[in-house]
Amino acid sequence: MNRNGDLTYSEAIEKIMRNNGYFAPLKLLYKEIWNYKDRSKIIGKTPDFTIQERVQRDPRFTRIAKGVYALTEFLEQVEKEDLGFFTVEKNEGVFKEAKKFVKTENVVEQKVRIGQSYFRTKLLAEMKSCPITGIDDKRLLIASHIKPWAHSNNEERVNTKNGENVKKIV
């Protein structure tokens, strides 16, 4: 406060910033300054120039975008505590965004072919070898559908008449 008991420009600017989330565009400072300063007592420089000069020279304030300033102590706290980040949109002001977290888990819904094992077991019992190569090693045979699984109904998917044991391509 100055000797008249009024807030100085810097004190008024700081108060506006604290009330606005610790930052403010110059437009807001120009508008709100009159809630803390008596217009009739302003002598000399234009108030807008004085405000701009204060935010540029006072170490309590830091420029964070063109025409937007924040309290330096607040920015130091944001950096120290990793509180997130801010977005500045032209003529709109400053918006604090939620801290972004990296996802470490995800819920996935997945279709599983539950009849495939049953189909293979039944097919191996009926067809002991690959009809093309004659190989009968069960480790090398794949139970393959004639009509694709995706285009078959539930009954066709487990019907051995819709399948053959074929050798894996190695």
Protein backbone atom coordinates (compact mmCIF):
# COMPACT_ATOMS: atom_id res chain seq x y z
CA MET A 1 0.00 0.00 0.00
CA ASN A 2 1.12 3.51 -0.65
CA ARG A 3 1.16 6.25 1.98
CA ASN A 4 -2.50 7.15 1.27
CA GLY A 5 -3.57 3.64 2.21
CA ASP A 6 -4.42 2.76 -1.42
CA LEU A 7 -3.14 -0.35 -3.16
CA THR A 8 -0.23 0.20 -5.52
CA TYR A 9 -0.67 -0.86 -9.15
CA SER A 10 1.43 -3.98 -8.53
CA GLU A 11 -0.62 -4.92 -5.47
CA ALA A 12 -3.88 -4.38 -7.36
CA ILE A 13 -2.61 -6.47 -10.30
CA GLU A 14 -1.56 -9.25 -7.93
CA LYS A 15 -5.00 -9.22 -6.29
CA ILE A 16 -6.75 -9.43 -9.69
CA MET A 17 -4.56 -12.38 -10.69
CA ARG A 18 -5.19 -14.20 -7.42
CA ASN A 19 -8.95 -13.75 -7.92
CA ASN A 20 -8.67 -15.02 -11.51
CA GLY A 21 -6.73 -18.23 -10.86
CA TYR A 22 -3.23 -16.67 -10.57
CA PHE A 23 -3.06 -15.34 -14.15
CA ALA A 24 -4.82 -12.72 -16.28
CA PRO A 25 -4.75 -11.22 -19.77
CA LEU A 26 -4.02 -7.50 -20.00
CA LYS A 27 -7.63 -6.83 -21.09
CA LEU A 28 -8.88 -8.20 -17.79
CA LEU A 29 -6.30 -6.21 -15.82
CA TYR A 30 -7.33 -2.98 -17.61
CA LYS A 31 -10.98 -3.68 -16.82
CA GLU A 32 -10.65 -4.88 -13.21
CA ILE A 33 -8.04 -2.38 -12.00
CA TRP A 34 -10.83 0.12 -11.19
CA ASN A 35 -12.15 -2.20 -8.50
CA TYR A 36 -8.91 -1.45 -6.59
CA LYS A 37 -7.79 1.98 -7.82
CA ASP A 38 -9.58 5.33 -7.63
CA ARG A 39 -9.78 6.75 -11.17
CA SER A 40 -9.93 10.33 -9.86
CA LYS A 41 -6.49 9.99 -8.20
CA ILE A 42 -4.67 8.88 -11.38
CA ILE A 43 -2.18 11.54 -12.49
CA GLY A 44 0.36 11.31 -15.30
CA LYS A 45 0.71 8.14 -17.36
CA THR A 46 -2.33 6.42 -18.79
CA PRO A 47 -3.48 3.56 -16.55
CA ASP A 48 -3.17 0.99 -19.34
CA PHE A 49 0.45 1.90 -19.96
CA THR A 50 1.17 1.81 -16.22
CA ILE A 51 -0.38 -1.64 -15.87
CA GLN A 52 1.57 -3.01 -18.82
CA GLU A 53 4.79 -1.50 -17.50
CA ARG A 54 4.22 -3.06 -14.04
CA VAL A 55 3.59 -6.60 -15.31
CA GLN A 56 6.66 -6.39 -17.55
CA ARG A 57 9.07 -5.09 -14.91
CA ASP A 58 7.84 -6.46 -11.60
CA PRO A 59 9.45 -9.86 -10.80
CA ARG A 60 6.18 -10.98 -9.19
CA PHE A 61 4.70 -11.37 -12.71
CA THR A 62 5.77 -13.56 -15.64
CA ARG A 63 4.57 -13.38 -19.22
CA ILE A 64 3.07 -16.74 -20.24
CA ALA A 65 1.64 -15.69 -23.62
CA LYS A 66 1.24 -12.56 -25.69
CA GLY A 67 -0.68 -10.19 -23.44
CA VAL A 68 -1.15 -12.77 -20.68
CA TYR A 69 0.70 -12.70 -17.37
CA ALA A 70 0.79 -14.94 -14.31
CA LEU A 71 2.08 -14.73 -10.77
CA THR A 72 5.67 -15.99 -10.77
CA GLU A 73 5.21 -17.83 -7.45
CA PHE A 74 2.25 -19.73 -8.95
CA LEU A 75 4.25 -20.77 -12.05
CA GLU A 76 7.09 -21.98 -9.82
CA GLN A 77 4.58 -24.08 -7.86
CA VAL A 78 3.12 -25.51 -11.09
CA GLU A 79 6.59 -26.56 -12.25
CA LYS A 80 7.65 -27.89 -8.84
CA GLU A 81 4.52 -29.96 -8.26
CA ASP A 82 3.90 -30.89 -11.93
CA LEU A 83 0.32 -29.61 -11.74
CA GLY A 84 -0.46 -29.90 -15.46
CA PHE A 85 -0.52 -27.38 -18.27
CA PHE A 86 -2.53 -24.42 -19.57
CA THR A 87 -3.96 -23.40 -22.90
CA VAL A 88 -4.16 -19.84 -24.14
CA GLU A 89 -6.78 -19.05 -26.76
CA LYS A 90 -6.76 -15.74 -28.60
CA ASN A 91 -9.17 -13.22 -27.06
CA GLU A 92 -10.49 -15.85 -24.67
CA GLY A 93 -8.04 -15.86 -21.78
CA VAL A 94 -6.23 -18.75 -20.14
CA PHE A 95 -7.66 -22.13 -19.23
CA LYS A 96 -6.13 -24.66 -16.86
CA GLU A 97 -6.46 -28.19 -18.16
CA ALA A 98 -6.49 -31.32 -16.10
CA LYS A 99 -3.20 -33.07 -15.68
CA LYS A 100 -2.72 -35.65 -18.39
CA PHE A 101 -1.99 -39.16 -17.19
CA VAL A 102 -0.56 -41.97 -19.22
CA LYS A 103 -2.97 -44.90 -19.29
CA THR A 104 -1.50 -48.02 -17.75
CA GLU A 105 -4.55 -50.27 -18.00
CA ASN A 106 -7.39 -50.68 -20.43
CA VAL A 107 -10.60 -52.71 -20.44
CA VAL A 108 -10.97 -54.69 -23.66
CA GLU A 109 -13.97 -56.60 -24.90
CA GLN A 110 -12.92 -59.39 -27.21
CA LYS A 111 -14.70 -62.20 -29.01
CA VAL A 112 -13.13 -65.61 -28.38
CA ARG A 113 -13.67 -68.74 -30.48
CA ILE A 114 -14.82 -71.04 -27.71
CA GLY A 115 -15.78 -73.99 -29.95
CA GLN A 116 -12.47 -74.14 -31.86
CA SER A 117 -10.78 -76.64 -29.51
CA TYR A 118 -13.84 -78.91 -29.55
CA PHE A 119 -13.94 -78.68 -33.38
CA ARG A 120 -10.24 -79.64 -33.70
CA THR A 121 -10.56 -82.61 -31.32
CA LYS A 122 -13.60 -83.98 -33.19
CA LEU A 123 -11.95 -83.40 -36.60
CA LEU A 124 -8.72 -85.19 -35.56
CA ALA A 125 -10.80 -88.16 -34.40
CA GLU A 126 -12.55 -88.36 -37.80
CA MET A 127 -9.67 -87.38 -40.11
CA LYS A 128 -6.35 -88.80 -38.96
CA SER A 129 -4.20 -87.03 -41.62
CA CYS A 130 -3.98 -84.13 -44.06
CA PRO A 131 -5.93 -85.07 -47.23
CA ILE A 132 -3.41 -83.17 -49.40
CA THR A 133 -0.01 -84.25 -47.99
CA GLY A 134 -0.94 -87.38 -46.05
CA ILE A 135 0.94 -86.15 -42.95
CA ASP A 136 -0.56 -87.55 -39.73
CA ASP A 137 1.53 -85.73 -37.06
CA LYS A 138 -1.10 -83.92 -34.93
CA ARG A 139 1.38 -81.16 -34.01
CA LEU A 140 1.59 -80.14 -37.69
CA LEU A 141 -2.13 -80.30 -38.49
CA ILE A 142 -4.50 -77.35 -38.27
CA ALA A 143 -8.26 -77.78 -38.05
CA SER A 144 -9.43 -75.57 -40.90
CA HIS A 145 -12.99 -74.58 -41.81
CA ILE A 146 -14.20 -74.91 -45.39
CA LYS A 147 -16.83 -72.21 -44.92
CA PRO A 148 -15.07 -69.37 -43.02
CA TRP A 149 -15.74 -69.13 -39.27
CA ALA A 150 -16.92 -65.52 -39.60
CA HIS A 151 -19.58 -66.51 -42.17
CA SER A 152 -20.78 -69.64 -40.36
CA ASN A 153 -23.52 -69.96 -37.77
CA ASN A 154 -22.81 -71.61 -34.40
CA GLU A 155 -23.82 -75.09 -35.62
CA GLU A 156 -21.62 -74.91 -38.75
CA ARG A 157 -18.63 -73.75 -36.69
CA VAL A 158 -18.42 -77.05 -34.76
CA ASN A 159 -19.64 -79.39 -37.54
CA THR A 160 -16.74 -81.58 -38.76
CA LYS A 161 -18.33 -81.77 -42.24
CA ASN A 162 -17.31 -78.08 -42.56
CA GLY A 163 -13.63 -78.77 -41.93
CA GLU A 164 -10.40 -80.49 -42.88
CA ASN A 165 -7.10 -81.14 -41.14
CA VAL A 166 -4.41 -79.46 -43.19
CA LYS A 167 -0.65 -79.28 -42.73
CA LYS A 168 0.81 -76.03 -41.44
CA ILE A 169 2.95 -74.18 -43.94
CA VAL A 170 6.48 -74.37 -42.56
